[in-house]
Amino acid sequence: MSETNPTPAGSSDPSSRGGSELPSPVAVAEDALRRADRAFDGLTRTLGHGSSPRGELKLLDDVDLDVRIELGRTRMLVEDVLRLGPDSVVELDKAAGDPVDIYVNGRHIARGEVLVVNENFCVRVSEILEPLGGHPGAA
């Protein structure tokens, strides 16, 4: 199976910049996250000044975001990680039923509860955290 390195939308062909190497998928993803962060920050500032929320949000409809749900954390020694195998159990710092943390682009934005719907795991958002900086009009 061969891999292809996508070129981000709106960027020029890397060969036109003097190099013949395509950007790595990680570099493309990091660039997209930086652009999404800038767009989110600009939107937050704009919404704080009375603009139409739906019109502004429409501009972001096709922006990909990195969403992570964290069940819990633990610290392990390298030797313990190397011993992991099928049927290993890793204890986390949260109890069953505790809220899970929801992160978007590395920012802790909400908490939720784990559910099972049609045999699939899902998370119901139960609390939206106060935005950093407390921008007025931000959710």
Protein backbone atom coordinates (compact mmCIF):
# COMPACT_ATOMS: atom_id res chain seq x y z
CA MET A 1 0.00 0.00 0.00
CA SER A 2 1.49 3.35 -0.96
CA GLU A 3 1.03 6.60 0.91
CA THR A 4 0.37 9.94 -0.67
CA ASN A 5 1.10 13.25 0.97
CA PRO A 6 -1.83 15.63 0.51
CA THR A 7 -1.17 19.26 -0.24
CA PRO A 8 -3.34 21.55 1.89
CA ALA A 9 -6.08 23.41 0.09
CA GLY A 10 -4.96 26.84 -1.00
CA SER A 11 -1.24 26.08 -0.86
CA SER A 12 0.95 26.03 -3.88
CA ASP A 13 2.79 23.06 -5.29
CA PRO A 14 5.90 22.45 -3.14
CA SER A 15 8.04 22.06 -6.27
CA SER A 16 7.27 25.68 -7.14
CA ARG A 17 8.97 26.74 -3.88
CA GLY A 18 12.27 25.27 -5.01
CA GLY A 19 11.91 21.85 -3.34
CA SER A 20 10.63 18.61 -4.80
CA GLU A 21 9.56 17.00 -1.52
CA LEU A 22 5.87 17.03 -0.56
CA PRO A 23 4.99 18.08 3.01
CA SER A 24 4.49 15.25 5.49
CA PRO A 25 0.94 14.40 6.62
CA VAL A 26 1.90 15.61 10.11
CA ALA A 27 3.00 19.00 8.75
CA VAL A 28 -0.23 19.30 6.76
CA ALA A 29 -2.31 18.45 9.86
CA GLU A 30 -0.37 20.88 12.07
CA ASP A 31 -0.86 23.65 9.49
CA ALA A 32 -4.61 22.94 9.36
CA LEU A 33 -4.84 23.05 13.16
CA ARG A 34 -2.98 26.38 13.28
CA ARG A 35 -5.34 27.84 10.67
CA ALA A 36 -8.38 26.52 12.55
CA ASP A 37 -7.08 28.00 15.83
CA ARG A 38 -6.61 31.40 14.17
CA ALA A 39 -10.09 31.22 12.64
CA PHE A 40 -11.63 30.25 16.00
CA ASP A 41 -9.83 33.07 17.81
CA GLY A 42 -10.94 35.58 15.16
CA LEU A 43 -14.50 34.32 15.33
CA THR A 44 -14.54 34.60 19.11
CA ARG A 45 -13.37 38.22 18.89
CA THR A 46 -15.87 39.00 16.13
CA LEU A 47 -18.82 37.46 17.99
CA GLY A 48 -17.93 39.56 21.01
CA HIS A 49 -18.56 42.67 18.89
CA GLY A 50 -22.18 41.92 17.95
CA SER A 51 -21.85 40.24 14.53
CA SER A 52 -24.36 37.67 13.30
CA PRO A 53 -23.28 34.37 14.92
CA ARG A 54 -24.76 32.09 12.23
CA GLY A 55 -23.22 34.04 9.36
CA GLU A 56 -19.78 33.95 10.98
CA LEU A 57 -20.04 30.27 11.92
CA LYS A 58 -20.99 29.36 8.34
CA LEU A 59 -17.44 30.31 7.31
CA LEU A 60 -16.11 27.49 9.52
CA ASP A 61 -18.46 24.70 8.41
CA ASP A 62 -15.73 22.77 6.57
CA VAL A 63 -12.84 23.24 9.03
CA ASP A 64 -11.55 19.95 10.46
CA LEU A 65 -10.92 19.92 14.20
CA ASP A 66 -9.07 17.43 16.37
CA VAL A 67 -11.64 16.23 18.95
CA ARG A 68 -10.44 13.96 21.77
CA ILE A 69 -12.38 12.35 24.57
CA GLU A 70 -10.21 11.54 27.58
CA LEU A 71 -11.42 8.77 29.86
CA GLY A 72 -8.58 9.29 32.33
CA ARG A 73 -4.82 9.38 32.74
CA THR A 74 -2.06 7.34 34.28
CA ARG A 75 1.72 7.36 34.54
CA MET A 76 3.67 4.24 33.68
CA LEU A 77 7.29 3.22 33.58
CA VAL A 78 8.71 2.21 30.20
CA GLU A 79 9.24 -1.34 31.47
CA ASP A 80 5.53 -1.55 32.40
CA VAL A 81 4.48 -0.27 28.96
CA LEU A 82 6.70 -2.87 27.30
CA ARG A 83 4.94 -5.60 29.30
CA LEU A 84 1.49 -4.62 27.97
CA GLY A 85 -0.22 -7.23 25.88
CA PRO A 86 -3.65 -8.65 25.13
CA ASP A 87 -5.84 -8.74 28.27
CA SER A 88 -3.60 -6.23 30.11
CA VAL A 89 -5.48 -3.77 32.32
CA VAL A 90 -4.34 -0.16 32.69
CA GLU A 91 -5.81 1.67 35.70
CA LEU A 92 -6.82 5.29 35.15
CA ASP A 93 -7.16 8.15 37.63
CA LYS A 94 -10.97 8.27 37.27
CA ALA A 95 -13.70 5.97 38.50
CA ALA A 96 -16.29 4.36 36.24
CA GLY A 97 -19.14 6.83 35.79
CA ASP A 98 -16.98 9.93 36.32
CA PRO A 99 -17.34 12.63 33.64
CA VAL A 100 -14.96 12.38 30.69
CA ASP A 101 -13.02 15.39 29.43
CA ILE A 102 -13.62 16.71 25.90
CA TYR A 103 -10.76 18.50 24.11
CA VAL A 104 -10.88 20.37 20.79
CA ASN A 105 -7.49 21.17 19.27
CA GLY A 106 -5.91 20.51 22.66
CA ARG A 107 -8.23 22.89 24.54
CA HIS A 108 -10.37 21.45 27.34
CA ILE A 109 -13.81 22.72 26.32
CA ALA A 110 -16.37 20.42 27.95
CA ARG A 111 -17.19 17.40 30.09
CA GLY A 112 -19.57 14.61 29.28
CA GLU A 113 -20.84 11.16 30.12
CA VAL A 114 -20.15 7.95 28.23
CA LEU A 115 -23.24 6.24 26.78
CA VAL A 116 -23.91 3.27 24.53
CA VAL A 117 -26.30 3.90 21.61
CA ASN A 118 -27.00 1.14 19.07
CA GLU A 119 -24.00 -0.81 20.42
CA ASN A 120 -21.66 2.16 19.80
CA PHE A 121 -19.94 4.22 22.47
CA CYS A 122 -20.79 7.92 22.44
CA VAL A 123 -20.47 10.90 24.76
CA ARG A 124 -23.29 13.18 25.85
CA VAL A 125 -22.00 16.69 26.57
CA SER A 126 -23.10 17.62 30.08
CA GLU A 127 -21.07 20.77 30.76
CA ILE A 128 -19.49 23.43 28.55
CA LEU A 129 -16.48 24.98 30.29
CA GLU A 130 -15.97 28.73 30.48
CA PRO A 131 -13.84 29.83 27.51
CA LEU A 132 -10.28 30.92 28.24
CA GLY A 133 -10.13 34.67 28.52
CA GLY A 134 -13.91 34.86 29.08
CA HIS A 135 -14.70 36.46 25.68
CA PRO A 136 -18.23 37.89 25.75
CA GLY A 137 -20.57 36.10 23.38
CA ALA A 138 -18.42 32.97 23.23
CA ALA A 139 -20.18 29.74 24.13
